[in-house]
Amino acid sequence: MKPLQLSPDTALKLAQKLNIPLEQLMHMPQHILIQKLMEMEKDKNN
């Protein structure tokens, strides 16, 4: 599995928002990242 194709700035911001290490974010499968972002958005709206 190849790392996510994100700009360094975007990767840093996502890692901070998700509260996970940058290395973990870069090797996270894309579908899991999308799921986490959707959960974060859902929590923000509630």
Protein backbone atom coordinates (compact mmCIF):
# COMPACT_ATOMS: atom_id res chain seq x y z
CA MET A 1 0.00 0.00 0.00
CA LYS A 2 1.43 3.38 -0.97
CA PRO A 3 1.33 6.40 1.35
CA LEU A 4 -1.46 8.94 0.97
CA GLN A 5 -0.82 11.63 -1.62
CA LEU A 6 -1.14 14.75 0.53
CA SER A 7 0.78 17.98 0.59
CA PRO A 8 3.02 18.34 3.66
CA ASP A 9 0.91 21.23 4.95
CA THR A 10 -2.34 19.28 4.61
CA ALA A 11 -0.81 16.21 6.23
CA LEU A 12 0.36 18.21 9.25
CA LYS A 13 -3.04 19.86 9.70
CA LEU A 14 -4.88 16.54 9.43
CA ALA A 15 -2.54 14.83 11.90
CA GLN A 16 -3.10 17.65 14.40
CA LYS A 17 -6.89 17.63 13.96
CA LEU A 18 -7.12 13.83 14.27
CA ASN A 19 -4.65 13.83 17.17
CA ILE A 20 -2.45 11.13 15.61
CA PRO A 21 1.24 11.01 14.67
CA LEU A 22 2.09 12.15 11.14
CA GLU A 23 3.64 8.76 10.28
CA GLN A 24 0.43 6.98 11.25
CA LEU A 25 -1.62 9.35 9.10
CA MET A 26 0.58 8.85 6.04
CA HIS A 27 0.24 5.05 6.22
CA MET A 28 -3.46 5.03 7.05
CA PRO A 29 -5.68 3.50 4.34
CA GLN A 30 -7.66 6.18 2.54
CA HIS A 31 -11.07 4.71 3.42
CA ILE A 32 -10.21 4.77 7.14
CA LEU A 33 -9.04 8.39 6.91
CA ILE A 34 -12.30 9.37 5.20
CA GLN A 35 -14.28 7.52 7.88
CA LYS A 36 -12.41 9.34 10.68
CA LEU A 37 -12.97 12.71 8.99
CA MET A 38 -16.69 11.99 8.64
CA GLU A 39 -16.92 11.00 12.32
CA MET A 40 -15.09 14.20 13.29
CA GLU A 41 -17.48 16.30 11.19
CA LYS A 42 -20.51 14.49 12.67
CA ASP A 43 -19.26 15.15 16.22
CA LYS A 44 -18.66 18.80 15.36
CA ASN A 45 -22.24 19.21 14.10
CA ASN A 46 -23.78 17.67 17.24
